Amino acid sequence: MYLNIEGIRKTFGEFVALDDIDLAVGEHEFVCLLGPSGCGKTTLLRIVAGLLEADGGRMMMGGRDLAALPARKRGFGIVFQSYSLFPNMTVARNIGYGLKIRGEAPGRIAERVGHLLELIRLSHLAERYPWQLSGGQQQRVALARALAVDPALILLDEPLSALDARVRVEMRAEIHEVQRRLAIPTIMVTHDQEEALTLADKIVCMNEGRIVQVGTPKDLYLRPRTRFVADFVGVSNLLPTQWVREAMPHLLAGRPDGEEAGYEACIRPENLAVSRDAGADGRVLDVTFLGNLSQFRVEWRGRQLVAECHRLADLNPGDAVRVEADARDCAWVAA
């Protein structure tokens, strides 16, 4: 692996921010640190960047011990949530600043800046100042500045959280395209599961200073291992074993061998089939139209369930419905 993090620990007084963190990042991998506020993801990113010192553990990259290198010598590109552009510099000078302080020749700086301006599609704004740009344009400039110094690793600290929804979607696509094209290993901090699912090769789901599951977006969505991951990554119907035994006993076929206590069934809304049936004992409580799908809240056998349908379904509140699920679409998670 390109970057190996082993046993990283960090405390602030009595508070344990990171508790024995082990993580490997591949040479061209896009890794998202995903979790709620206070889970330790930003602390981990700052330790990798060299902006914060760990209390224990080690980090190796390409055979080098990062603990022996100050932040300025690690060769990383960092993009913060606040962009941190220099207000008195044009777009071009902001992008080329890192090269200038390294003593690069003016011709080399101009060539590199020109290439990056084309990459982020802002060549026509090279002489504008940050205050003359939109939030999305400022974020592109911040990304280009991080890329200008040919970083060994890109670190992104919730770079899209200050943008409105539409611009955020556009910037996700921009970041994804640039990272794939340049093949630079990237670690991004986010609390937005949609961002993580869209961008990451690997998601590191964190909670209370620990890594609770690592895997591809598909792994975490389809096969969460814990109730926390199932609940945090997407929407889930989490069903106690005893209820499953009485209402959907066929789902028990997929339960871990010999395990019952402490496990719950996890069914995603799109895998719950709801259909009108006058003789059934389910009832539609409400219907939410979301454009590309319809979402239903259903009362069935003492529980409220959430179902989704990717078409305009002819169901209304109060309708009697039958509820079905396939054992192949059911994951079992530690409660």
C-alpha atoms as a PDB file:
ATOM      1  CA  MET A   1       0.000   0.000   0.000  1.00  0.00           C
ATOM      2  CA  TYR A   2       1.069   3.594  -0.676  1.00  0.00           C
ATOM      3  CA  LEU A   3       0.203   5.005   2.768  1.00  0.00           C
ATOM      4  CA  ASN A   4       0.077   2.831   5.883  1.00  0.00           C
ATOM      5  CA  ILE A   5      -1.369   4.138   9.135  1.00  0.00           C
ATOM      6  CA  GLU A   6      -0.850   1.891  12.144  1.00  0.00           C
ATOM      7  CA  GLY A   7      -2.147   2.279  15.686  1.00  0.00           C
ATOM      8  CA  ILE A   8      -2.700   6.043  15.559  1.00  0.00           C
ATOM      9  CA  ARG A   9      -4.015   7.402  18.838  1.00  0.00           C
ATOM     10  CA  LYS A  10      -4.919  10.952  19.853  1.00  0.00           C
ATOM     11  CA  THR A  11      -6.442  12.338  23.046  1.00  0.00           C
ATOM     12  CA  PHE A  12      -7.438  15.831  24.129  1.00  0.00           C
ATOM     13  CA  GLY A  13      -7.348  15.694  27.912  1.00  0.00           C
ATOM     14  CA  GLU A  14      -9.718  12.903  28.925  1.00  0.00           C
ATOM     15  CA  PHE A  15     -11.364  12.778  25.509  1.00  0.00           C
ATOM     16  CA  VAL A  16     -10.153  10.010  23.172  1.00  0.00           C
ATOM     17  CA  ALA A  17     -10.386  11.462  19.661  1.00  0.00           C
ATOM     18  CA  LEU A  18      -8.685   8.524  17.890  1.00  0.00           C
ATOM     19  CA  ASP A  19      -8.373   5.055  19.334  1.00  0.00           C
ATOM     20  CA  ASP A  20      -5.887   2.719  17.588  1.00  0.00           C
ATOM     21  CA  ILE A  21      -6.553   3.665  13.961  1.00  0.00           C
ATOM     22  CA  ASP A  22      -5.225   1.310  11.265  1.00  0.00           C
ATOM     23  CA  LEU A  23      -5.713   2.283   7.627  1.00  0.00           C
ATOM     24  CA  ALA A  24      -4.074   1.591   4.257  1.00  0.00           C
ATOM     25  CA  VAL A  25      -4.422   3.840   1.185  1.00  0.00           C
ATOM     26  CA  GLY A  26      -3.567   2.540  -2.288  1.00  0.00           C
ATOM     27  CA  GLU A  27      -1.387   4.386  -4.785  1.00  0.00           C
ATOM     28  CA  HIS A  28      -4.261   5.770  -6.891  1.00  0.00           C
ATOM     29  CA  GLU A  29      -7.100   5.344  -4.407  1.00  0.00           C
ATOM     30  CA  PHE A  30      -9.805   7.844  -3.445  1.00  0.00           C
ATOM     31  CA  VAL A  31     -10.611   7.250   0.234  1.00  0.00           C
ATOM     32  CA  CYS A  32     -13.463   8.951   2.086  1.00  0.00           C
ATOM     33  CA  LEU A  33     -13.420   9.274   5.873  1.00  0.00           C
ATOM     34  CA  LEU A  34     -17.139   9.229   6.647  1.00  0.00           C
ATOM     35  CA  GLY A  35     -18.854   9.770   9.952  1.00  0.00           C
ATOM     36  CA  PRO A  36     -20.828  12.156  12.167  1.00  0.00           C
ATOM     37  CA  SER A  37     -19.391  15.298  13.731  1.00  0.00           C
ATOM     38  CA  GLY A  38     -16.911  14.483  16.477  1.00  0.00           C
ATOM     39  CA  CYS A  39     -16.088  10.977  15.215  1.00  0.00           C
ATOM     40  CA  GLY A  40     -12.384  11.806  14.690  1.00  0.00           C
ATOM     41  CA  LYS A  41     -12.205  12.019  10.895  1.00  0.00           C
ATOM     42  CA  THR A  42     -10.851  15.595  10.726  1.00  0.00           C
ATOM     43  CA  THR A  43      -8.392  14.871  13.543  1.00  0.00           C
ATOM     44  CA  LEU A  44      -7.054  11.929  11.531  1.00  0.00           C
ATOM     45  CA  LEU A  45      -6.741  14.048   8.391  1.00  0.00           C
ATOM     46  CA  ARG A  46      -4.835  16.760  10.277  1.00  0.00           C
ATOM     47  CA  ILE A  47      -2.445  14.165  11.703  1.00  0.00           C
ATOM     48  CA  VAL A  48      -1.782  12.795   8.213  1.00  0.00           C
ATOM     49  CA  ALA A  49      -1.199  16.366   6.987  1.00  0.00           C
ATOM     50  CA  GLY A  50       1.286  17.038   9.791  1.00  0.00           C
ATOM     51  CA  LEU A  51      -0.842  19.822  11.273  1.00  0.00           C
ATOM     52  CA  LEU A  52      -1.424  17.836  14.469  1.00  0.00           C
ATOM     53  CA  GLU A  53       0.819  15.407  16.316  1.00  0.00           C
ATOM     54  CA  ALA A  54      -0.390  11.923  17.226  1.00  0.00           C
ATOM     55  CA  ASP A  55       0.072  10.544  20.735  1.00  0.00           C
ATOM     56  CA  GLY A  56       1.042   7.122  19.413  1.00  0.00           C
ATOM     57  CA  GLY A  57       1.283   4.927  16.313  1.00  0.00           C
ATOM     58  CA  ARG A  58       3.104   5.481  13.054  1.00  0.00           C
ATOM     59  CA  MET A  59       2.532   6.476   9.435  1.00  0.00           C
ATOM     60  CA  MET A  60       4.656   5.216   6.563  1.00  0.00           C
ATOM     61  CA  MET A  61       4.459   6.400   2.957  1.00  0.00           C
ATOM     62  CA  GLY A  62       6.705   5.023   0.269  1.00  0.00           C
ATOM     63  CA  GLY A  63       9.062   3.673   2.914  1.00  0.00           C
ATOM     64  CA  ARG A  64       9.335   7.035   4.704  1.00  0.00           C
ATOM     65  CA  ASP A  65       8.259   7.670   8.282  1.00  0.00           C
ATOM     66  CA  LEU A  66       5.979  10.708   8.102  1.00  0.00           C
ATOM     67  CA  ALA A  67       6.464  11.486  11.793  1.00  0.00           C
ATOM     68  CA  ALA A  68       9.985  12.616  10.943  1.00  0.00           C
ATOM     69  CA  LEU A  69       8.740  15.127   8.360  1.00  0.00           C
ATOM     70  CA  PRO A  70       7.144  18.507   9.123  1.00  0.00           C
ATOM     71  CA  ALA A  71       3.979  19.405   7.216  1.00  0.00           C
ATOM     72  CA  ARG A  72       5.800  21.605   4.674  1.00  0.00           C
ATOM     73  CA  LYS A  73       8.094  18.730   3.669  1.00  0.00           C
ATOM     74  CA  ARG A  74       5.447  16.050   3.220  1.00  0.00           C
ATOM     75  CA  GLY A  75       4.546  17.275  -0.260  1.00  0.00           C
ATOM     76  CA  PHE A  76       0.769  17.055   0.256  1.00  0.00           C
ATOM     77  CA  GLY A  77      -1.898  19.217  -1.332  1.00  0.00           C
ATOM     78  CA  ILE A  78      -4.576  20.331   1.131  1.00  0.00           C
ATOM     79  CA  VAL A  79      -7.998  21.857   0.395  1.00  0.00           C
ATOM     80  CA  PHE A  80      -9.926  23.206   3.361  1.00  0.00           C
ATOM     81  CA  GLN A  81     -13.647  23.846   3.719  1.00  0.00           C
ATOM     82  CA  SER A  82     -13.010  27.619   3.765  1.00  0.00           C
ATOM     83  CA  TYR A  83     -10.883  27.549   0.539  1.00  0.00           C
ATOM     84  CA  SER A  84      -8.269  29.910   2.165  1.00  0.00           C
ATOM     85  CA  LEU A  85      -7.481  31.750  -1.060  1.00  0.00           C
ATOM     86  CA  PHE A  86      -5.326  34.869  -0.884  1.00  0.00           C
ATOM     87  CA  PRO A  87      -7.766  37.779  -1.429  1.00  0.00           C
ATOM     88  CA  ASN A  88      -5.074  40.103  -2.824  1.00  0.00           C
ATOM     89  CA  MET A  89      -3.945  37.642  -5.506  1.00  0.00           C
ATOM     90  CA  THR A  90      -5.532  36.830  -8.852  1.00  0.00           C
ATOM     91  CA  VAL A  91      -6.699  33.316  -9.660  1.00  0.00           C
ATOM     92  CA  ALA A  92      -3.482  32.633 -11.579  1.00  0.00           C
ATOM     93  CA  ARG A  93      -1.236  33.918  -8.776  1.00  0.00           C
ATOM     94  CA  ASN A  94      -3.163  31.913  -6.179  1.00  0.00           C
ATOM     95  CA  ILE A  95      -2.639  28.721  -8.166  1.00  0.00           C
ATOM     96  CA  GLY A  96       1.038  29.425  -8.749  1.00  0.00           C
ATOM     97  CA  TYR A  97       1.848  30.545  -5.192  1.00  0.00           C
ATOM     98  CA  GLY A  98       3.207  27.185  -4.010  1.00  0.00           C
ATOM     99  CA  LEU A  99       5.498  26.944  -7.028  1.00  0.00           C
ATOM    100  CA  LYS A 100       6.747  30.503  -6.492  1.00  0.00           C
ATOM    101  CA  ILE A 101       7.802  29.915  -2.888  1.00  0.00           C
ATOM    102  CA  ARG A 102       9.602  26.776  -4.039  1.00  0.00           C
ATOM    103  CA  GLY A 103      11.686  28.928  -6.338  1.00  0.00           C
ATOM    104  CA  GLU A 104      10.382  27.556  -9.647  1.00  0.00           C
ATOM    105  CA  ALA A 105      11.234  29.529 -12.781  1.00  0.00           C
ATOM    106  CA  PRO A 106       8.544  31.990 -13.982  1.00  0.00           C
ATOM    107  CA  GLY A 107       8.181  30.114 -17.266  1.00  0.00           C
ATOM    108  CA  ARG A 108       7.578  26.807 -15.478  1.00  0.00           C
ATOM    109  CA  ILE A 109       5.022  28.471 -13.184  1.00  0.00           C
ATOM    110  CA  ALA A 110       3.138  30.029 -16.104  1.00  0.00           C
ATOM    111  CA  GLU A 111       3.053  26.701 -17.958  1.00  0.00           C
ATOM    112  CA  ARG A 112       1.799  24.764 -14.932  1.00  0.00           C
ATOM    113  CA  VAL A 113      -0.809  27.389 -14.023  1.00  0.00           C
ATOM    114  CA  GLY A 114      -2.074  27.482 -17.608  1.00  0.00           C
ATOM    115  CA  HIS A 115      -2.457  23.707 -17.665  1.00  0.00           C
ATOM    116  CA  LEU A 116      -4.371  23.676 -14.368  1.00  0.00           C
ATOM    117  CA  LEU A 117      -6.648  26.533 -15.434  1.00  0.00           C
ATOM    118  CA  GLU A 118      -7.624  24.444 -18.457  1.00  0.00           C
ATOM    119  CA  LEU A 119      -8.134  21.403 -16.233  1.00  0.00           C
ATOM    120  CA  ILE A 120     -10.593  23.269 -13.984  1.00  0.00           C
ATOM    121  CA  ARG A 121     -12.094  25.166 -16.952  1.00  0.00           C
ATOM    122  CA  LEU A 122     -11.346  28.637 -15.576  1.00  0.00           C
ATOM    123  CA  SER A 123      -8.776  29.950 -18.100  1.00  0.00           C
ATOM    124  CA  HIS A 124     -11.049  32.905 -18.854  1.00  0.00           C
ATOM    125  CA  LEU A 125     -10.989  33.981 -15.189  1.00  0.00           C
ATOM    126  CA  ALA A 126      -7.211  33.868 -14.634  1.00  0.00           C
ATOM    127  CA  GLU A 127      -6.951  37.589 -13.776  1.00  0.00           C
ATOM    128  CA  ARG A 128      -9.964  37.793 -11.469  1.00  0.00           C
ATOM    129  CA  TYR A 129      -9.731  37.957  -7.695  1.00  0.00           C
ATOM    130  CA  PRO A 130     -11.388  35.490  -5.291  1.00  0.00           C
ATOM    131  CA  TRP A 131     -14.138  37.956  -4.341  1.00  0.00           C
ATOM    132  CA  GLN A 132     -15.172  38.086  -8.000  1.00  0.00           C
ATOM    133  CA  LEU A 133     -15.793  34.320  -8.135  1.00  0.00           C
ATOM    134  CA  SER A 134     -18.703  32.103  -7.109  1.00  0.00           C
ATOM    135  CA  GLY A 135     -18.254  29.569  -4.325  1.00  0.00           C
ATOM    136  CA  GLY A 136     -17.867  26.729  -6.807  1.00  0.00           C
ATOM    137  CA  GLN A 137     -15.253  28.645  -8.793  1.00  0.00           C
ATOM    138  CA  GLN A 138     -13.307  29.446  -5.621  1.00  0.00           C
ATOM    139  CA  GLN A 139     -13.322  25.765  -4.734  1.00  0.00           C
ATOM    140  CA  ARG A 140     -11.927  24.872  -8.157  1.00  0.00           C
ATOM    141  CA  VAL A 141      -9.116  27.384  -7.660  1.00  0.00           C
ATOM    142  CA  ALA A 142      -8.329  25.930  -4.228  1.00  0.00           C
ATOM    143  CA  LEU A 143      -8.156  22.449  -5.789  1.00  0.00           C
ATOM    144  CA  ALA A 144      -5.899  23.668  -8.607  1.00  0.00           C
ATOM    145  CA  ARG A 145      -3.576  25.357  -6.080  1.00  0.00           C
ATOM    146  CA  ALA A 146      -3.282  22.055  -4.199  1.00  0.00           C
ATOM    147  CA  LEU A 147      -2.497  20.220  -7.455  1.00  0.00           C
ATOM    148  CA  ALA A 148       0.055  22.765  -8.684  1.00  0.00           C
ATOM    149  CA  VAL A 149       2.916  21.403  -6.587  1.00  0.00           C
ATOM    150  CA  ASP A 150       2.493  17.821  -7.906  1.00  0.00           C
ATOM    151  CA  PRO A 151       1.405  16.512  -4.493  1.00  0.00           C
ATOM    152  CA  ALA A 152       2.148  12.989  -3.328  1.00  0.00           C
ATOM    153  CA  LEU A 153      -1.264  12.952  -1.644  1.00  0.00           C
ATOM    154  CA  ILE A 154      -4.350  15.187  -1.763  1.00  0.00           C
ATOM    155  CA  LEU A 155      -6.204  15.884   1.499  1.00  0.00           C
ATOM    156  CA  LEU A 156      -9.729  17.343   1.311  1.00  0.00           C
ATOM    157  CA  ASP A 157     -11.401  18.572   4.512  1.00  0.00           C
ATOM    158  CA  GLU A 158     -15.168  18.738   3.805  1.00  0.00           C
ATOM    159  CA  PRO A 159     -14.451  20.887   0.730  1.00  0.00           C
ATOM    160  CA  LEU A 160     -18.055  20.980  -0.509  1.00  0.00           C
ATOM    161  CA  SER A 161     -20.044  21.612   2.657  1.00  0.00           C
ATOM    162  CA  ALA A 162     -20.256  25.404   2.146  1.00  0.00           C
ATOM    163  CA  LEU A 163     -21.744  25.075  -1.353  1.00  0.00           C
ATOM    164  CA  ASP A 164     -25.414  24.910  -2.275  1.00  0.00           C
ATOM    165  CA  ALA A 165     -26.873  21.576  -3.361  1.00  0.00           C
ATOM    166  CA  ARG A 166     -26.632  22.003  -7.128  1.00  0.00           C
ATOM    167  CA  VAL A 167     -23.063  23.344  -7.083  1.00  0.00           C
ATOM    168  CA  ARG A 168     -22.074  20.550  -4.678  1.00  0.00           C
ATOM    169  CA  VAL A 169     -23.211  17.935  -7.210  1.00  0.00           C
ATOM    170  CA  GLU A 170     -21.256  19.677  -9.992  1.00  0.00           C
ATOM    171  CA  MET A 171     -18.123  19.920  -7.848  1.00  0.00           C
ATOM    172  CA  ARG A 172     -18.338  16.231  -6.925  1.00  0.00           C
ATOM    173  CA  ALA A 173     -18.160  15.433 -10.619  1.00  0.00           C
ATOM    174  CA  GLU A 174     -15.227  17.865 -11.078  1.00  0.00           C
ATOM    175  CA  ILE A 175     -13.232  16.381  -8.206  1.00  0.00           C
ATOM    176  CA  HIS A 176     -13.960  12.847  -9.374  1.00  0.00           C
ATOM    177  CA  GLU A 177     -12.829  13.624 -12.929  1.00  0.00           C
ATOM    178  CA  VAL A 178      -9.628  15.421 -11.869  1.00  0.00           C
ATOM    179  CA  GLN A 179      -8.616  12.728  -9.378  1.00  0.00           C
ATOM    180  CA  ARG A 180      -9.205   9.932 -11.904  1.00  0.00           C
ATOM    181  CA  ARG A 181      -7.310  11.763 -14.627  1.00  0.00           C
ATOM    182  CA  LEU A 182      -4.262  12.564 -12.477  1.00  0.00           C
ATOM    183  CA  ALA A 183      -4.391   9.300 -10.435  1.00  0.00           C
ATOM    184  CA  ILE A 184      -3.230  11.039  -7.252  1.00  0.00           C
ATOM    185  CA  PRO A 185      -4.139   9.222  -4.009  1.00  0.00           C
ATOM    186  CA  THR A 186      -6.746  11.264  -2.163  1.00  0.00           C
ATOM    187  CA  ILE A 187      -8.243  11.278   1.330  1.00  0.00           C
ATOM    188  CA  MET A 188     -11.439  13.254   1.809  1.00  0.00           C
ATOM    189  CA  VAL A 189     -13.297  13.992   5.030  1.00  0.00           C
ATOM    190  CA  THR A 190     -17.089  14.174   4.763  1.00  0.00           C
ATOM    191  CA  HIS A 191     -20.218  13.634   6.838  1.00  0.00           C
ATOM    192  CA  ASP A 192     -22.318  13.372   3.659  1.00  0.00           C
ATOM    193  CA  GLN A 193     -22.917   9.725   2.769  1.00  0.00           C
ATOM    194  CA  GLU A 194     -24.009  10.627  -0.776  1.00  0.00           C
ATOM    195  CA  GLU A 195     -20.627  12.297  -1.384  1.00  0.00           C
ATOM    196  CA  ALA A 196     -18.805   9.254  -0.067  1.00  0.00           C
ATOM    197  CA  LEU A 197     -20.863   6.818  -2.139  1.00  0.00           C
ATOM    198  CA  THR A 198     -20.333   8.930  -5.271  1.00  0.00           C
ATOM    199  CA  LEU A 199     -16.614   9.650  -4.991  1.00  0.00           C
ATOM    200  CA  ALA A 200     -14.855   6.931  -3.040  1.00  0.00           C
ATOM    201  CA  ASP A 201     -13.041   3.805  -4.103  1.00  0.00           C
ATOM    202  CA  LYS A 202     -12.989   2.987  -0.396  1.00  0.00           C
ATOM    203  CA  ILE A 203     -15.100   4.346   2.461  1.00  0.00           C
ATOM    204  CA  VAL A 204     -13.773   4.404   6.019  1.00  0.00           C
ATOM    205  CA  CYS A 205     -16.803   4.716   8.295  1.00  0.00           C
ATOM    206  CA  MET A 206     -15.874   6.148  11.696  1.00  0.00           C
ATOM    207  CA  ASN A 207     -17.691   6.593  15.000  1.00  0.00           C
ATOM    208  CA  GLU A 208     -16.463   7.739  18.407  1.00  0.00           C
ATOM    209  CA  GLY A 209     -12.788   7.719  17.417  1.00  0.00           C
ATOM    210  CA  ARG A 210     -12.829   4.228  15.898  1.00  0.00           C
ATOM    211  CA  ILE A 211     -13.095   2.740  12.432  1.00  0.00           C
ATOM    212  CA  VAL A 212     -16.254   0.636  12.401  1.00  0.00           C
ATOM    213  CA  GLN A 213     -16.127  -0.612   8.792  1.00  0.00           C
ATOM    214  CA  VAL A 214     -13.926  -0.219   5.709  1.00  0.00           C
ATOM    215  CA  GLY A 215     -15.018  -1.217   2.236  1.00  0.00           C
ATOM    216  CA  THR A 216     -16.205  -0.148  -1.193  1.00  0.00           C
ATOM    217  CA  PRO A 217     -19.362   1.976  -1.383  1.00  0.00           C
ATOM    218  CA  LYS A 218     -21.244  -1.118  -2.503  1.00  0.00           C
ATOM    219  CA  ASP A 219     -19.918  -3.116   0.486  1.00  0.00           C
ATOM    220  CA  LEU A 220     -21.067  -0.564   3.043  1.00  0.00           C
ATOM    221  CA  TYR A 221     -24.445  -0.015   1.432  1.00  0.00           C
ATOM    222  CA  LEU A 222     -25.385  -3.607   0.643  1.00  0.00           C
ATOM    223  CA  ARG A 223     -23.535  -5.415   3.443  1.00  0.00           C
ATOM    224  CA  PRO A 224     -23.211  -3.162   6.491  1.00  0.00           C
ATOM    225  CA  ARG A 225     -21.802  -5.016   9.495  1.00  0.00           C
ATOM    226  CA  THR A 226     -23.259  -2.925  12.309  1.00  0.00           C
ATOM    227  CA  ARG A 227     -26.475  -1.075  13.088  1.00  0.00           C
ATOM    228  CA  PHE A 228     -24.507   2.189  13.066  1.00  0.00           C
ATOM    229  CA  VAL A 229     -23.234   1.710   9.494  1.00  0.00           C
ATOM    230  CA  ALA A 230     -26.645   0.541   8.246  1.00  0.00           C
ATOM    231  CA  ASP A 231     -28.294   3.608   9.772  1.00  0.00           C
ATOM    232  CA  PHE A 232     -25.633   6.152   8.768  1.00  0.00           C
ATOM    233  CA  VAL A 233     -24.993   5.029   5.176  1.00  0.00           C
ATOM    234  CA  GLY A 234     -28.393   5.405   3.553  1.00  0.00           C
ATOM    235  CA  VAL A 235     -31.862   4.601   4.904  1.00  0.00           C
ATOM    236  CA  SER A 236     -32.559   1.188   6.428  1.00  0.00           C
ATOM    237  CA  ASN A 237     -35.347  -0.873   7.884  1.00  0.00           C
ATOM    238  CA  LEU A 238     -33.724  -2.458  10.953  1.00  0.00           C
ATOM    239  CA  LEU A 239     -35.746  -5.405  12.212  1.00  0.00           C
ATOM    240  CA  PRO A 240     -35.248  -7.381  15.461  1.00  0.00           C
ATOM    241  CA  THR A 241     -34.698 -11.109  15.036  1.00  0.00           C
ATOM    242  CA  GLN A 242     -37.822 -12.059  16.987  1.00  0.00           C
ATOM    243  CA  TRP A 243     -40.016  -9.846  14.796  1.00  0.00           C
ATOM    244  CA  VAL A 244     -38.446 -11.343  11.663  1.00  0.00           C
ATOM    245  CA  ARG A 245     -39.108 -14.847  13.041  1.00  0.00           C
ATOM    246  CA  GLU A 246     -42.822 -14.040  13.315  1.00  0.00           C
ATOM    247  CA  ALA A 247     -43.375 -11.782  10.296  1.00  0.00           C
ATOM    248  CA  MET A 248     -40.783 -12.821   7.669  1.00  0.00           C
ATOM    249  CA  PRO A 249     -39.240 -16.123   8.802  1.00  0.00           C
ATOM    250  CA  HIS A 250     -37.731 -16.809   5.343  1.00  0.00           C
ATOM    251  CA  LEU A 251     -35.252 -13.982   5.965  1.00  0.00           C
ATOM    252  CA  LEU A 252     -33.623 -16.011   8.742  1.00  0.00           C
ATOM    253  CA  ALA A 253     -31.934 -18.149   6.074  1.00  0.00           C
ATOM    254  CA  GLY A 254     -29.288 -15.461   5.646  1.00  0.00           C
ATOM    255  CA  ARG A 255     -28.564 -14.925   9.331  1.00  0.00           C
ATOM    256  CA  PRO A 256     -24.955 -15.629  10.458  1.00  0.00           C
ATOM    257  CA  ASP A 257     -24.609 -19.282  11.474  1.00  0.00           C
ATOM    258  CA  GLY A 258     -25.245 -19.841  15.148  1.00  0.00           C
ATOM    259  CA  GLU A 259     -25.959 -16.158  15.765  1.00  0.00           C
ATOM    260  CA  GLU A 260     -29.263 -14.731  16.904  1.00  0.00           C
ATOM    261  CA  ALA A 261     -28.903 -12.537  19.954  1.00  0.00           C
ATOM    262  CA  GLY A 262     -27.460  -9.134  19.131  1.00  0.00           C
ATOM    263  CA  TYR A 263     -28.273  -9.235  15.407  1.00  0.00           C
ATOM    264  CA  GLU A 264     -30.899  -7.374  13.374  1.00  0.00           C
ATOM    265  CA  ALA A 265     -32.090  -7.723   9.801  1.00  0.00           C
ATOM    266  CA  CYS A 266     -31.333  -4.749   7.531  1.00  0.00           C
ATOM    267  CA  ILE A 267     -33.503  -4.188   4.449  1.00  0.00           C
ATOM    268  CA  ARG A 268     -33.029  -1.129   2.266  1.00  0.00           C
ATOM    269  CA  PRO A 269     -36.257   0.680   1.234  1.00  0.00           C
ATOM    270  CA  GLU A 270     -35.851  -0.156  -2.468  1.00  0.00           C
ATOM    271  CA  ASN A 271     -35.728  -3.877  -1.575  1.00  0.00           C
ATOM    272  CA  LEU A 272     -39.056  -3.816   0.244  1.00  0.00           C
ATOM    273  CA  ALA A 273     -41.898  -4.605  -2.200  1.00  0.00           C
ATOM    274  CA  VAL A 274     -45.237  -2.968  -1.378  1.00  0.00           C
ATOM    275  CA  SER A 275     -48.339  -3.715  -3.450  1.00  0.00           C
ATOM    276  CA  ARG A 276     -52.076  -3.023  -3.046  1.00  0.00           C
ATOM    277  CA  ASP A 277     -53.995  -5.974  -1.599  1.00  0.00           C
ATOM    278  CA  ALA A 278     -57.434  -5.412  -0.087  1.00  0.00           C
ATOM    279  CA  GLY A 279     -57.058  -8.486   2.109  1.00  0.00           C
ATOM    280  CA  ALA A 280     -53.591  -7.674   3.462  1.00  0.00           C
ATOM    281  CA  ASP A 281     -52.892  -6.300   6.932  1.00  0.00           C
ATOM    282  CA  GLY A 282     -50.438  -3.572   5.923  1.00  0.00           C
ATOM    283  CA  ARG A 283     -51.493   0.078   5.683  1.00  0.00           C
ATOM    284  CA  VAL A 284     -49.897   2.996   3.840  1.00  0.00           C
ATOM    285  CA  LEU A 285     -49.377   5.832   6.335  1.00  0.00           C
ATOM    286  CA  ASP A 286     -48.048   8.428   3.903  1.00  0.00           C
ATOM    287  CA  VAL A 287     -46.546   8.833   0.435  1.00  0.00           C
ATOM    288  CA  THR A 288     -43.718  11.243  -0.456  1.00  0.00           C
ATOM    289  CA  PHE A 289     -43.140  12.083  -4.130  1.00  0.00           C
ATOM    290  CA  LEU A 290     -39.416  12.775  -4.714  1.00  0.00           C
ATOM    291  CA  GLY A 291     -39.359  13.165  -8.487  1.00  0.00           C
ATOM    292  CA  ASN A 292     -37.399  10.123  -9.590  1.00  0.00           C
ATOM    293  CA  LEU A 293     -38.933   7.921  -6.893  1.00  0.00           C
ATOM    294  CA  SER A 294     -41.815   7.630  -4.466  1.00  0.00           C
ATOM    295  CA  GLN A 295     -41.265   6.848  -0.796  1.00  0.00           C
ATOM    296  CA  PHE A 296     -43.858   5.127   1.383  1.00  0.00           C
ATOM    297  CA  ARG A 297     -44.188   4.778   5.132  1.00  0.00           C
ATOM    298  CA  VAL A 298     -46.104   1.586   5.895  1.00  0.00           C
ATOM    299  CA  GLU A 299     -47.549   0.191   9.125  1.00  0.00           C
ATOM    300  CA  TRP A 300     -47.246  -3.608   9.108  1.00  0.00           C
ATOM    301  CA  ARG A 301     -47.427  -6.106  11.944  1.00  0.00           C
ATOM    302  CA  GLY A 302     -46.644  -3.610  14.647  1.00  0.00           C
ATOM    303  CA  ARG A 303     -43.763  -1.836  12.892  1.00  0.00           C
ATOM    304  CA  GLN A 304     -43.355   1.162  10.627  1.00  0.00           C
ATOM    305  CA  LEU A 305     -41.374   0.385   7.473  1.00  0.00           C
ATOM    306  CA  VAL A 306     -39.991   2.599   4.709  1.00  0.00           C
ATOM    307  CA  ALA A 307     -40.251   1.487   1.083  1.00  0.00           C
ATOM    308  CA  GLU A 308     -39.212   3.163  -2.180  1.00  0.00           C
ATOM    309  CA  CYS A 309     -40.340   2.700  -5.740  1.00  0.00           C
ATOM    310  CA  HIS A 310     -38.516   4.180  -8.771  1.00  0.00           C
ATOM    311  CA  ARG A 311     -41.710   4.940 -10.629  1.00  0.00           C
ATOM    312  CA  LEU A 312     -44.958   6.744  -9.941  1.00  0.00           C
ATOM    313  CA  ALA A 313     -46.791   4.161  -7.847  1.00  0.00           C
ATOM    314  CA  ASP A 314     -50.565   4.226  -7.563  1.00  0.00           C
ATOM    315  CA  LEU A 315     -50.723   4.018  -3.756  1.00  0.00           C
ATOM    316  CA  ASN A 316     -52.343   6.443  -1.338  1.00  0.00           C
ATOM    317  CA  PRO A 317     -52.467   6.877   2.452  1.00  0.00           C
ATOM    318  CA  GLY A 318     -54.888   4.374   3.953  1.00  0.00           C
ATOM    319  CA  ASP A 319     -54.500   1.753   1.206  1.00  0.00           C
ATOM    320  CA  ALA A 320     -54.221  -1.866   2.339  1.00  0.00           C
ATOM    321  CA  VAL A 321     -50.960  -3.379   1.121  1.00  0.00           C
ATOM    322  CA  ARG A 322     -48.944  -6.559   1.062  1.00  0.00           C
ATOM    323  CA  VAL A 323     -45.275  -6.275   2.111  1.00  0.00           C
ATOM    324  CA  GLU A 324     -42.583  -8.644   0.784  1.00  0.00           C
ATOM    325  CA  ALA A 325     -38.794  -8.960   0.821  1.00  0.00           C
ATOM    326  CA  ASP A 326     -36.267 -11.396  -0.618  1.00  0.00           C
ATOM    327  CA  ALA A 327     -33.752 -13.041   1.729  1.00  0.00           C
ATOM    328  CA  ARG A 328     -30.997 -12.273  -0.801  1.00  0.00           C
ATOM    329  CA  ASP A 329     -31.576  -8.536  -0.242  1.00  0.00           C
ATOM    330  CA  CYS A 330     -31.357  -8.782   3.542  1.00  0.00           C
ATOM    331  CA  ALA A 331     -28.160  -8.038   5.463  1.00  0.00           C
ATOM    332  CA  TRP A 332     -27.675  -9.009   9.104  1.00  0.00           C
ATOM    333  CA  VAL A 333     -25.976  -6.443  11.307  1.00  0.00           C
ATOM    334  CA  ALA A 334     -24.661  -6.395  14.861  1.00  0.00           C
ATOM    335  CA  ALA A 335     -27.134  -4.366  16.917  1.00  0.00           C
END
